[in-house]
């Protein structure tokens, strides 16, 4: 891919795709940094409504800056509108949930806190996200949470009402007010975050069904399953937070992200979370119509006022029910249009990336552009060794499946055992610590006059070479000196230092004795045992008799 936008952003590879735009990894040639470029799909470029929404995303996202929000650097247009964003190395929270859930409570709280801090910052700037879901939450390699895709975020204003024909957000994470086409606010984002918190702690969604319509109806009517029944380790206080976030009535949820952060801090500190569950965990409550509502008032004005108040409540509830039926009918029609069938995931094991892509395409699926790699002793290089969804499992048509390709057999770097001549035991320890198998080490004995016995002389493979973990390794180990028969050198009259130097060349073990002498000067060798020219084995014992003086008279 060699396309360059506005002479500055070189598109390197596709890293993601959504319903409205395609995301590319790119190089900013001006600043010399890697960025992500989000380009509006061609089929929407001529649609003024989509273009307005896309530009609104850029304006909304560019107005906020926070460590837990993906930064927006630039906007532009070349053939189609595009946004330049911070490039994040990491995975989506959805992938982590799929692989690791249920999370420990501490991990789930940490992720929720970071998302809440991002939302608190955005909400303070008058921006709601409206599409909080784990697919829009990235986890960097160092564990930082980054909220992305403010694709349908908008500045909070008097016209933030989403019509029934314009329901936004993923159905599983949709707040009741979004499903009903009512005014959305900060509590709508918090409801979606409550769904994610439940999913992290249990590994399942609180509201699921056979169709989008069935899921929406559960959001509107059903209380969430008991968190502590599904995961007792989560504890009752964390369950209070989940129920508080998933209250149907926006006013019964956390007032804002700051309140949620305070509740999370209470759980970590072992304090009680404030939550009035008197009206039930779903927060719906109920309006009780008394039997005597239609009877004349008795007991004076107070009872009459109370009766009128109850009548007004009942009337309001009836009107709300009628409106709900109308909205649900509209939602039902929309969801039937949006319904996506499920397909079985094929087995991709041992296929090349191209073969896997073709097989997924035949099944109505795609390959996730974020391909992983791992070593394998059984699967050939560049062939599939794992897939994110098991074979034969049903998923929505069009879903992207992650694949892991083999790097081939793992190769390890050989340590240097040649330079410092370690002992055999030390050498084996260094090899196993480097990842090599102890069973693959072979030794060959070799005499050496320079390397101590039982120490490494040489190695194969050579230092720095790459070798399989269970590949054959040969170590040549010193068996010590190989001594031969020789004759005793004549060192008479030599100084003791000179004599020792000559004798050491044959590895003799030297003992020095001294005695007075008037014939030899001080420090001169008087005699040796054995005597000069006598046969002796290399490495044998030699005694030097050295003069103490005074030596011959002057």
Protein backbone atom coordinates (compact mmCIF):
# COMPACT_ATOMS: atom_id res chain seq x y z
CA UNK A 1 0.00 0.00 0.00
CA UNK A 2 1.64 3.23 -1.18
CA UNK A 3 -1.17 5.80 -1.12
CA UNK A 4 -0.22 9.11 0.53
CA UNK A 5 -2.94 11.45 1.78
CA UNK A 6 -2.46 15.21 1.37
CA UNK A 7 1.23 14.57 0.69
CA UNK A 8 1.82 13.67 4.33
CA UNK A 9 0.18 10.45 5.58
CA UNK A 10 1.51 7.27 3.94
CA UNK A 11 -0.98 4.42 4.38
CA UNK A 12 0.93 1.27 5.42
CA UNK A 13 -1.70 -1.39 6.13
CA UNK A 14 -5.35 -1.92 7.05
CA UNK A 15 -5.79 -2.44 10.81
CA UNK A 16 -9.56 -2.33 11.23
CA UNK A 17 -12.91 -1.66 9.64
CA UNK A 18 -16.32 -0.53 10.82
CA UNK A 19 -19.66 0.05 9.25
CA UNK A 20 -18.84 3.64 8.40
CA UNK A 21 -15.06 3.80 7.95
CA UNK A 22 -11.83 1.87 7.39
CA UNK A 23 -8.81 2.37 9.67
CA UNK A 24 -5.23 2.26 8.39
CA UNK A 25 -1.84 2.25 10.05
CA UNK A 26 0.08 5.13 8.51
CA UNK A 27 3.32 7.12 8.76
CA UNK A 28 3.17 10.86 9.33
CA UNK A 29 6.15 11.99 7.21
CA UNK A 30 6.09 15.50 8.67
CA UNK A 31 6.45 14.46 12.33
CA UNK A 32 8.02 11.04 11.70
CA UNK A 33 5.52 9.08 13.80
CA UNK A 34 3.13 6.18 13.27
CA UNK A 35 -0.55 7.20 13.31
CA UNK A 36 -3.97 5.70 12.60
CA UNK A 37 -5.99 7.15 9.74
CA UNK A 38 -9.76 6.60 9.65
CA UNK A 39 -11.26 7.08 6.17
CA UNK A 40 -14.99 7.32 5.43
CA UNK A 41 -16.14 4.45 3.22
CA UNK A 42 -16.73 5.35 -0.43
CA UNK A 43 -20.41 4.37 -0.40
CA UNK A 44 -21.10 6.96 2.31
CA UNK A 45 -18.99 9.81 0.91
CA UNK A 46 -21.94 11.09 -1.13
CA UNK A 47 -24.37 10.83 1.78
CA UNK A 48 -24.50 14.22 3.46
CA UNK A 49 -25.90 12.75 6.68
CA UNK A 50 -23.01 10.34 7.06
CA UNK A 51 -20.46 13.00 6.16
CA UNK A 52 -21.91 15.34 8.79
CA UNK A 53 -21.75 12.59 11.41
CA UNK A 54 -18.18 11.76 10.41
CA UNK A 55 -17.06 15.39 10.66
CA UNK A 56 -18.90 15.75 13.94
CA UNK A 57 -16.84 12.81 15.24
CA UNK A 58 -13.64 14.66 14.37
CA UNK A 59 -14.78 17.89 15.99
CA UNK A 60 -16.02 16.15 19.15
CA UNK A 61 -12.98 13.90 19.61
CA UNK A 62 -10.47 16.65 18.84
CA UNK A 63 -11.89 18.79 21.63
CA UNK A 64 -10.91 16.33 24.37
CA UNK A 65 -7.49 15.16 25.53
CA UNK A 66 -7.04 12.53 28.22
CA UNK A 67 -4.59 9.64 28.89
CA UNK A 68 -7.48 7.14 28.60
CA UNK A 69 -8.87 8.55 25.34
CA UNK A 70 -7.36 7.96 21.89
CA UNK A 71 -6.05 11.35 20.74
CA UNK A 72 -7.16 12.96 17.48
CA UNK A 73 -4.33 14.77 15.67
CA UNK A 74 -5.73 16.00 12.39
CA UNK A 75 -8.70 15.96 9.99
CA UNK A 76 -8.77 16.34 6.25
CA UNK A 77 -10.29 15.31 2.94
CA UNK A 78 -8.82 13.71 -0.16
CA UNK A 79 -11.44 11.88 -2.22
CA UNK A 80 -13.10 11.14 1.14
CA UNK A 81 -13.07 12.63 4.65
CA UNK A 82 -10.47 11.25 7.06
CA UNK A 83 -9.34 11.62 10.68
CA UNK A 84 -5.75 11.16 11.91
CA UNK A 85 -5.56 9.58 15.37
CA UNK A 86 -3.12 8.18 17.88
CA UNK A 87 -1.96 4.67 16.86
CA UNK A 88 -2.39 2.15 19.68
CA UNK A 89 -0.41 -1.09 19.91
CA UNK A 90 -2.70 -3.47 21.75
CA UNK A 91 -5.92 -5.51 21.69
CA UNK A 92 -9.58 -4.72 22.21
CA UNK A 93 -11.17 -5.38 25.59
CA UNK A 94 -13.62 -7.68 23.76
CA UNK A 95 -10.71 -9.94 22.79
CA UNK A 96 -9.46 -10.03 26.38
CA UNK A 97 -12.96 -10.85 27.65
CA UNK A 98 -13.25 -13.64 25.11
CA UNK A 99 -9.87 -15.10 26.18
CA UNK A 100 -9.66 -14.34 29.92
CA UNK A 101 -13.12 -13.74 31.46
CA UNK A 102 -14.25 -13.96 34.16
CA UNK A 103 -11.73 -11.37 35.35
CA UNK A 104 -10.60 -11.11 38.98
CA UNK A 105 -12.52 -8.33 40.71
CA UNK A 106 -9.41 -6.14 40.99
CA UNK A 107 -8.73 -6.33 37.24
CA UNK A 108 -12.36 -5.57 36.34
CA UNK A 109 -12.39 -2.61 38.73
CA UNK A 110 -9.13 -1.24 37.27
CA UNK A 111 -10.46 -1.39 33.67
CA UNK A 112 -13.80 0.13 34.73
CA UNK A 113 -12.03 2.93 36.61
CA UNK A 114 -9.94 3.91 33.59
CA UNK A 115 -12.98 3.93 31.29
CA UNK A 116 -14.93 5.96 33.88
CA UNK A 117 -12.09 8.49 34.09
CA UNK A 118 -12.19 8.86 30.29
CA UNK A 119 -15.97 9.34 30.37
CA UNK A 120 -15.77 11.80 33.27
CA UNK A 121 -13.42 13.96 31.20
CA UNK A 122 -15.57 13.73 28.05
CA UNK A 123 -18.83 14.37 29.93
CA UNK A 124 -17.28 17.41 31.62
CA UNK A 125 -16.66 18.78 28.12
CA UNK A 126 -20.30 18.21 27.15
CA UNK A 127 -19.63 15.08 25.08
CA UNK A 128 -21.30 11.70 25.46
CA UNK A 129 -19.96 8.66 23.64
CA UNK A 130 -23.22 6.76 22.91
CA UNK A 131 -21.40 3.62 21.74
CA UNK A 132 -19.47 2.34 24.76
CA UNK A 133 -18.70 -1.34 24.14
CA UNK A 134 -15.58 -3.50 24.65
CA UNK A 135 -14.83 -3.37 20.93
CA UNK A 136 -14.27 0.39 21.36
CA UNK A 137 -11.95 -0.03 24.36
CA UNK A 138 -8.29 -0.79 23.67
CA UNK A 139 -5.78 -2.25 26.13
CA UNK A 140 -2.17 -1.24 25.45
CA UNK A 141 0.76 -3.56 26.07
CA UNK A 142 1.51 -1.79 29.37
CA UNK A 143 -2.10 -2.21 30.59
CA UNK A 144 -3.43 1.30 29.91
CA UNK A 145 -7.06 1.54 28.82
CA UNK A 146 -7.85 3.74 25.80
CA UNK A 147 -11.44 4.58 24.78
CA UNK A 148 -11.75 5.07 21.04
CA UNK A 149 -14.28 5.53 18.23
CA UNK A 150 -16.27 8.59 19.18
CA UNK A 151 -18.02 7.86 15.89
CA UNK A 152 -21.44 8.72 17.22
CA UNK A 153 -20.49 10.98 20.10
CA UNK A 154 -22.06 14.40 20.01
CA UNK A 155 -21.98 17.57 22.05
CA UNK A 156 -24.78 17.55 24.60
CA UNK A 157 -27.38 20.06 23.46
CA UNK A 158 -31.10 20.55 23.30
CA UNK A 159 -31.49 18.31 20.29
CA UNK A 160 -29.80 15.14 21.65
CA UNK A 161 -32.86 13.01 21.02
CA UNK A 162 -32.30 9.92 18.90
CA UNK A 163 -35.33 8.96 16.88
CA UNK A 164 -36.68 5.42 16.75
CA UNK A 165 -35.40 5.11 13.22
CA UNK A 166 -31.94 6.24 14.23
CA UNK A 167 -31.06 3.96 17.16
CA UNK A 168 -27.31 3.92 17.61
CA UNK A 169 -24.94 1.73 19.61
CA UNK A 170 -24.53 -2.05 19.66
CA UNK A 171 -27.68 -3.83 20.82
CA UNK A 172 -26.00 -5.79 23.62
CA UNK A 173 -24.72 -2.56 25.22
CA UNK A 174 -27.67 -0.31 24.36
CA UNK A 175 -29.23 1.66 27.22
CA UNK A 176 -33.04 1.52 27.61
CA UNK A 177 -33.41 5.20 26.74
CA UNK A 178 -31.43 4.67 23.51
CA UNK A 179 -33.68 1.74 22.60
CA UNK A 180 -36.75 3.90 23.24
CA UNK A 181 -35.42 6.84 21.24
CA UNK A 182 -35.41 9.10 24.31
CA UNK A 183 -32.91 11.75 25.38
CA UNK A 184 -29.52 10.29 26.19
CA UNK A 185 -26.93 11.59 28.61
CA UNK A 186 -23.97 10.65 30.75
CA UNK A 187 -26.04 7.92 32.45
CA UNK A 188 -26.49 6.23 29.04
CA UNK A 189 -22.72 5.75 28.74
CA UNK A 190 -22.65 4.49 32.36
CA UNK A 191 -25.36 1.90 31.60
CA UNK A 192 -23.23 0.55 28.73
CA UNK A 193 -20.21 0.49 31.06
CA UNK A 194 -22.33 -1.49 33.56
CA UNK A 195 -22.95 -4.13 30.86
CA UNK A 196 -19.18 -4.33 30.25
CA UNK A 197 -18.42 -4.63 33.99
CA UNK A 198 -20.95 -7.49 34.27
CA UNK A 199 -19.40 -9.17 31.21
CA UNK A 200 -15.84 -8.86 32.59
CA UNK A 201 -16.87 -10.40 35.93
CA UNK A 202 -18.95 -13.28 34.51
CA UNK A 203 -17.75 -13.93 30.97
CA UNK A 204 -21.34 -13.51 29.69
CA UNK A 205 -23.69 -10.68 28.76
CA UNK A 206 -26.50 -9.70 31.15
CA UNK A 207 -29.01 -9.48 28.30
CA UNK A 208 -28.84 -11.83 25.32
CA UNK A 209 -31.34 -13.40 22.98
CA UNK A 210 -32.01 -15.05 19.64
CA UNK A 211 -32.56 -11.73 17.86
CA UNK A 212 -31.74 -8.05 18.34
CA UNK A 213 -35.43 -7.44 19.11
CA UNK A 214 -35.38 -9.98 21.94
CA UNK A 215 -32.24 -8.37 23.39
CA UNK A 216 -33.75 -4.88 23.29
CA UNK A 217 -36.88 -6.09 25.08
CA UNK A 218 -34.71 -7.54 27.86
CA UNK A 219 -32.91 -4.21 28.22
CA UNK A 220 -36.32 -2.56 28.62
CA UNK A 221 -38.02 -5.07 30.90
CA UNK A 222 -35.74 -7.66 32.53
CA UNK A 223 -33.58 -7.24 35.64
CA UNK A 224 -29.95 -8.34 35.19
CA UNK A 225 -29.02 -11.83 36.43
CA UNK A 226 -27.53 -12.02 39.93
CA UNK A 227 -23.83 -11.23 39.68
CA UNK A 228 -22.91 -13.04 42.91
CA UNK A 229 -24.74 -16.20 41.81
CA UNK A 230 -22.65 -16.29 38.62
CA UNK A 231 -19.43 -15.19 40.33
CA UNK A 232 -19.53 -15.32 44.15
CA UNK A 233 -15.99 -13.89 44.30
CA UNK A 234 -17.27 -10.56 42.95
CA UNK A 235 -18.99 -9.80 46.27
CA UNK A 236 -22.23 -7.99 47.17
CA UNK A 237 -20.81 -4.46 47.01
CA UNK A 238 -19.62 -4.88 43.43
CA UNK A 239 -23.04 -6.37 42.62
CA UNK A 240 -24.61 -3.16 43.98
CA UNK A 241 -22.52 -1.12 41.54
CA UNK A 242 -23.55 -3.33 38.61
CA UNK A 243 -27.25 -3.08 39.54
CA UNK A 244 -26.89 0.67 40.07
CA UNK A 245 -25.39 1.08 36.59
CA UNK A 246 -28.02 -1.17 34.97
CA UNK A 247 -31.05 0.56 36.49
CA UNK A 248 -33.68 1.13 33.79
CA UNK A 249 -34.44 4.58 35.18
CA UNK A 250 -31.58 6.98 34.36
CA UNK A 251 -32.15 8.92 37.57
CA UNK A 252 -31.48 5.82 39.69
CA UNK A 253 -28.08 5.19 38.14
CA UNK A 254 -24.86 6.86 39.20
CA UNK A 255 -25.39 10.60 38.69
CA UNK A 256 -22.12 10.81 36.79
CA UNK A 257 -18.80 9.04 36.23
CA UNK A 258 -17.42 10.71 39.34
CA UNK A 259 -19.98 8.92 41.50
CA UNK A 260 -19.03 5.62 39.88
CA UNK A 261 -15.34 6.27 40.63
CA UNK A 262 -16.26 6.98 44.26
CA UNK A 263 -18.25 3.71 44.46
CA UNK A 264 -15.32 1.73 43.00
CA UNK A 265 -13.01 3.29 45.58
CA UNK A 266 -15.45 2.24 48.32
CA UNK A 267 -15.36 -1.39 47.16
CA UNK A 268 -11.56 -1.40 47.14
CA UNK A 269 -11.48 0.15 50.62
CA UNK A 270 -14.00 -2.39 52.00
CA UNK A 271 -16.71 0.24 52.52
CA UNK A 272 -20.43 -0.12 51.76
CA UNK A 273 -21.76 1.21 48.45
CA UNK A 274 -24.81 3.49 48.76
CA UNK A 275 -27.63 1.90 46.74
CA UNK A 276 -31.33 1.92 47.47
CA UNK A 277 -32.64 -1.32 46.00
CA UNK A 278 -36.12 -0.94 47.54
CA UNK A 279 -37.74 -0.81 44.14
CA UNK A 280 -35.93 -3.88 42.86
CA UNK A 281 -32.56 -4.32 41.07
CA UNK A 282 -33.92 -3.17 37.73
CA UNK A 283 -34.90 0.21 39.12
CA UNK A 284 -38.31 0.07 37.48
CA UNK A 285 -40.31 0.26 40.67
CA UNK A 286 -44.02 0.31 40.02
CA UNK A 287 -47.16 2.39 40.29
CA UNK A 288 -49.80 0.82 42.49
CA UNK A 289 -53.37 1.86 41.66
CA UNK A 290 -55.61 1.58 44.73
CA UNK A 291 -59.02 -0.09 44.53
CA UNK A 292 -60.85 3.03 45.66
CA UNK A 293 -59.34 5.35 43.03
CA UNK A 294 -62.73 5.84 41.44
CA UNK A 295 -64.62 6.30 44.73
CA UNK A 296 -65.60 9.69 46.17
CA UNK A 297 -63.07 11.23 48.51
CA UNK A 298 -63.48 10.57 52.18
CA UNK A 299 -61.77 12.12 55.14
CA UNK A 300 -61.35 15.64 53.87
CA UNK A 301 -59.01 17.49 51.57
CA UNK A 302 -55.85 15.52 52.37
CA UNK A 303 -57.32 12.25 51.10
CA UNK A 304 -58.70 14.02 48.04
CA UNK A 305 -55.28 15.44 47.18
CA UNK A 306 -53.74 12.03 47.63
CA UNK A 307 -56.38 10.46 45.38
CA UNK A 308 -55.81 13.04 42.66
CA UNK A 309 -52.06 12.53 42.90
CA UNK A 310 -52.43 8.78 42.43
CA UNK A 311 -54.79 9.34 39.47
CA UNK A 312 -52.21 11.61 37.84
CA UNK A 313 -49.52 8.99 38.36
CA UNK A 314 -51.68 6.27 36.87
CA UNK A 315 -52.52 8.46 33.89
CA UNK A 316 -48.85 9.29 33.34
CA UNK A 317 -47.96 5.58 33.52
CA UNK A 318 -50.68 4.72 30.99
CA UNK A 319 -49.47 7.38 28.56
CA UNK A 320 -45.87 6.19 28.99
CA UNK A 321 -46.97 2.62 28.28
CA UNK A 322 -48.70 3.66 25.05
CA UNK A 323 -45.63 5.60 23.95
CA UNK A 324 -43.45 2.62 24.82
CA UNK A 325 -45.57 0.32 22.65
CA UNK A 326 -45.26 2.77 19.74
CA UNK A 327 -41.48 3.07 20.14
CA UNK A 328 -40.99 -0.69 20.54
CA UNK A 329 -42.94 -1.25 17.34
CA UNK A 330 -40.55 1.10 15.54
CA UNK A 331 -37.55 -0.57 17.13
CA UNK A 332 -38.85 -3.99 16.12
CA UNK A 333 -39.16 -2.93 12.50
CA UNK A 334 -35.65 -1.47 12.55
CA UNK A 335 -34.09 -4.52 14.19
CA UNK A 336 -35.65 -6.84 11.66
CA UNK A 337 -33.80 -4.87 8.99
CA UNK A 338 -30.60 -4.97 11.03
CA UNK A 339 -30.83 -8.69 11.86
CA UNK A 340 -27.60 -10.53 11.02
CA UNK A 341 -27.72 -14.35 10.65
CA UNK A 342 -25.24 -16.65 12.39
CA UNK A 343 -22.75 -18.91 10.60
CA UNK A 344 -20.40 -21.68 11.74
CA UNK A 345 -16.69 -20.84 11.94
CA UNK A 346 -14.59 -23.22 9.77
CA UNK A 347 -11.47 -25.03 11.01
CA UNK A 348 -8.44 -23.00 9.85
CA UNK A 349 -5.69 -25.16 11.40
CA UNK A 350 -2.60 -25.69 9.20
CA UNK A 351 -3.84 -23.34 6.45
CA UNK A 352 -1.84 -20.44 5.04
CA UNK A 353 -3.16 -16.93 5.70
CA UNK A 354 -4.47 -16.75 2.12
CA UNK A 355 -6.19 -20.13 2.41
CA UNK A 356 -7.73 -19.14 5.77
CA UNK A 357 -9.00 -15.86 4.31
CA UNK A 358 -10.61 -17.68 1.37
CA UNK A 359 -12.22 -20.28 3.64
CA UNK A 360 -13.61 -17.61 5.95
CA UNK A 361 -14.92 -15.63 2.99
CA UNK A 362 -16.80 -18.73 1.75
CA UNK A 363 -18.39 -18.96 5.22
CA UNK A 364 -19.40 -15.30 5.22
CA UNK A 365 -16.61 -14.20 7.60
CA UNK A 366 -13.36 -12.21 7.36
CA UNK A 367 -9.80 -12.39 8.71
CA UNK A 368 -8.95 -9.87 11.42
CA UNK A 369 -6.04 -7.77 10.05
CA UNK A 370 -4.26 -7.99 13.43
CA UNK A 371 -2.53 -11.33 12.77
CA UNK A 372 -0.53 -12.84 15.65
CA UNK A 373 2.56 -15.04 15.40
CA UNK A 374 3.93 -17.77 17.68
CA UNK A 375 6.54 -20.53 17.53
CA UNK A 376 5.37 -24.09 16.95
CA UNK A 377 7.18 -27.42 16.96
CA UNK A 378 4.34 -29.12 15.07
CA UNK A 379 2.94 -26.61 12.54
CA UNK A 380 5.03 -25.41 9.60
CA UNK A 381 6.08 -21.77 9.30
CA UNK A 382 3.40 -19.29 8.08
CA UNK A 383 0.50 -21.70 8.71
CA UNK A 384 -2.38 -21.26 11.15
CA UNK A 385 -1.82 -22.71 14.63
CA UNK A 386 -4.77 -21.02 16.44
CA UNK A 387 -7.95 -19.04 15.80
CA UNK A 388 -9.86 -16.68 18.13
CA UNK A 389 -13.15 -18.57 17.73
CA UNK A 390 -13.15 -22.41 17.80
CA UNK A 391 -14.19 -24.34 14.72
CA UNK A 392 -17.95 -24.99 14.37
CA UNK A 393 -18.89 -22.29 16.90
CA UNK A 394 -21.70 -20.02 15.63
CA UNK A 395 -21.01 -16.28 15.21
CA UNK A 396 -22.63 -13.38 13.41
CA UNK A 397 -22.09 -13.28 9.67
CA UNK A 398 -19.40 -10.79 8.68
CA UNK A 399 -17.42 -11.14 11.91
CA UNK A 400 -13.63 -10.86 11.78
CA UNK A 401 -11.77 -13.92 13.10
CA UNK A 402 -8.27 -13.52 14.52
CA UNK A 403 -5.66 -16.07 13.43
CA UNK A 404 -2.22 -16.95 14.81
CA UNK A 405 0.44 -18.03 12.31
CA UNK A 406 3.42 -20.26 13.07
CA UNK A 407 6.91 -18.81 13.12
CA UNK A 408 8.19 -22.36 12.80
CA UNK A 409 10.25 -24.14 15.42
CA UNK A 410 11.59 -21.84 18.14
CA UNK A 411 15.30 -21.04 17.74
CA UNK A 412 17.37 -20.04 20.76
CA UNK A 413 20.68 -18.20 20.86
CA UNK A 414 23.63 -20.30 22.06
CA UNK A 415 25.47 -18.87 25.08
CA UNK A 416 29.26 -18.46 24.92
CA UNK A 417 30.80 -21.41 26.81
CA UNK A 418 34.09 -21.18 24.99
CA UNK A 419 35.62 -17.91 26.19
CA UNK A 420 35.55 -18.38 29.97
CA UNK A 421 35.75 -22.23 30.02
CA UNK A 422 33.11 -22.88 32.72
CA UNK A 423 32.86 -26.21 34.52
CA UNK A 424 30.62 -28.83 32.94
CA UNK A 425 27.96 -28.37 35.65
CA UNK A 426 27.98 -24.60 35.19
CA UNK A 427 27.77 -24.97 31.40
CA UNK A 428 24.73 -27.25 31.67
CA UNK A 429 23.01 -24.76 33.98
CA UNK A 430 23.64 -21.90 31.56
CA UNK A 431 22.24 -23.92 28.65
CA UNK A 432 19.04 -24.93 30.48
CA UNK A 433 18.54 -21.34 31.68
CA UNK A 434 18.76 -20.25 28.03
CA UNK A 435 15.92 -22.67 27.23
CA UNK A 436 17.82 -25.65 25.83
CA UNK A 437 17.01 -29.23 26.81
CA UNK A 438 19.43 -30.93 29.21
CA UNK A 439 18.80 -34.24 27.42
CA UNK A 440 20.23 -32.86 24.15
CA UNK A 441 23.70 -32.13 25.62
CA UNK A 442 26.52 -34.54 24.68
CA UNK A 443 30.12 -34.41 25.99
CA UNK A 444 33.45 -35.46 24.47
CA UNK A 445 36.60 -35.82 26.62
CA UNK A 446 39.77 -34.12 25.35
CA UNK A 447 43.13 -33.58 27.02
CA UNK A 448 44.30 -29.99 27.40
CA UNK A 449 47.38 -28.30 28.77
CA UNK A 450 45.57 -24.92 29.09
CA UNK A 451 42.04 -25.74 30.33
CA UNK A 452 41.44 -27.21 33.79
CA UNK A 453 40.04 -30.69 34.11
CA UNK A 454 36.22 -31.01 33.78
CA UNK A 455 35.93 -27.55 32.20
CA UNK A 456 34.63 -26.71 28.69
CA UNK A 457 37.22 -26.48 25.90
CA UNK A 458 34.92 -26.01 22.89
CA UNK A 459 31.26 -26.18 21.83
CA UNK A 460 29.01 -26.91 18.86
CA UNK A 461 26.86 -24.96 17.86
CA UNK A 462 29.19 -21.98 18.16
CA UNK A 463 28.51 -19.05 20.53
CA UNK A 464 25.68 -16.81 19.23
CA UNK A 465 24.40 -19.40 16.76
CA UNK A 466 20.64 -20.15 16.72
CA UNK A 467 19.55 -23.68 17.47
CA UNK A 468 16.25 -25.47 18.29
CA UNK A 469 15.51 -25.90 21.99
CA UNK A 470 15.92 -29.67 21.70
CA UNK A 471 18.72 -29.60 19.09
CA UNK A 472 21.93 -31.55 19.63
CA UNK A 473 24.67 -29.72 21.60
CA UNK A 474 28.23 -31.07 21.86
CA UNK A 475 30.64 -29.90 24.57
CA UNK A 476 34.34 -30.82 24.58
CA UNK A 477 35.44 -31.28 28.20
CA UNK A 478 39.05 -31.17 29.41
CA UNK A 479 40.35 -34.43 30.83
CA UNK A 480 43.48 -32.63 32.14
CA UNK A 481 47.09 -33.05 31.01
CA UNK A 482 48.45 -36.18 29.30
CA UNK A 483 51.91 -36.62 30.86
CA UNK A 484 54.92 -38.40 29.23
CA UNK A 485 58.29 -39.67 30.49
CA UNK A 486 61.12 -37.14 30.19
CA UNK A 487 64.54 -36.41 31.84
CA UNK A 488 65.35 -34.08 34.71
CA UNK A 489 66.71 -30.76 33.39
CA UNK A 490 70.07 -29.54 34.70
CA UNK A 491 69.35 -26.40 36.70
CA UNK A 492 72.41 -26.47 38.99
CA UNK A 493 73.81 -23.00 39.72
CA UNK A 494 70.62 -21.39 38.32
CA UNK A 495 68.76 -18.94 40.53
CA UNK A 496 65.73 -20.45 42.22
CA UNK A 497 63.39 -18.36 40.03
CA UNK A 498 65.06 -19.48 36.80
CA UNK A 499 65.03 -23.10 37.93
CA UNK A 500 61.31 -23.00 38.80
CA UNK A 501 60.49 -21.52 35.39
CA UNK A 502 62.34 -24.31 33.56
CA UNK A 503 60.81 -27.06 35.71
CA UNK A 504 57.27 -25.65 35.47
CA UNK A 505 57.33 -26.13 31.72
CA UNK A 506 57.09 -29.86 32.42
CA UNK A 507 54.38 -29.42 35.08
CA UNK A 508 56.68 -30.69 37.86
CA UNK A 509 55.47 -30.27 41.45
CA UNK A 510 58.35 -28.30 43.05
CA UNK A 511 59.50 -28.35 46.69
CA UNK A 512 62.28 -25.95 47.78
CA UNK A 513 64.78 -26.59 50.62
CA UNK A 514 67.66 -24.38 51.70
CA UNK A 515 71.08 -24.94 53.28
CA UNK A 516 74.26 -22.97 53.96
CA UNK A 517 76.97 -23.15 51.31
CA UNK A 518 80.43 -21.69 50.86
CA UNK A 519 80.57 -23.00 47.27
CA UNK A 520 77.32 -21.51 45.80
CA UNK A 521 76.21 -17.89 46.07
CA UNK A 522 72.93 -17.14 47.86
CA UNK A 523 69.74 -18.27 45.96
CA UNK A 524 71.69 -20.56 43.60
CA UNK A 525 70.57 -24.18 43.14
CA UNK A 526 73.01 -26.53 44.92
CA UNK A 527 71.36 -29.84 43.95
CA UNK A 528 68.12 -31.45 42.69
CA UNK A 529 66.21 -34.64 43.38
CA UNK A 530 66.11 -36.39 40.96
CA UNK A 531 69.59 -35.51 39.73
CA UNK A 532 70.10 -33.94 36.32
CA UNK A 533 69.51 -36.30 33.34
CA UNK A 534 67.64 -38.85 35.45
CA UNK A 535 64.30 -40.10 33.99
CA UNK A 536 61.12 -38.54 35.44
CA UNK A 537 57.39 -38.38 34.47
CA UNK A 538 55.97 -34.98 33.58
CA UNK A 539 53.99 -33.69 36.56
CA UNK A 540 56.27 -35.58 39.00
CA UNK A 541 57.74 -34.24 42.28
CA UNK A 542 61.06 -32.35 42.20
CA UNK A 543 63.09 -31.05 45.19
CA UNK A 544 65.35 -28.03 44.78
CA UNK A 545 68.12 -27.38 47.34
CA UNK A 546 68.93 -23.63 47.29
CA UNK A 547 71.97 -21.95 48.83
CA UNK A 548 71.62 -19.62 51.85
CA UNK A 549 75.21 -18.38 51.33
CA UNK A 550 77.56 -17.00 52.29
CA UNK A 551 79.02 -18.40 49.06
CA UNK A 552 82.72 -18.62 47.98
CA UNK A 553 85.15 -16.19 49.62
CA UNK A 554 85.91 -13.08 47.59
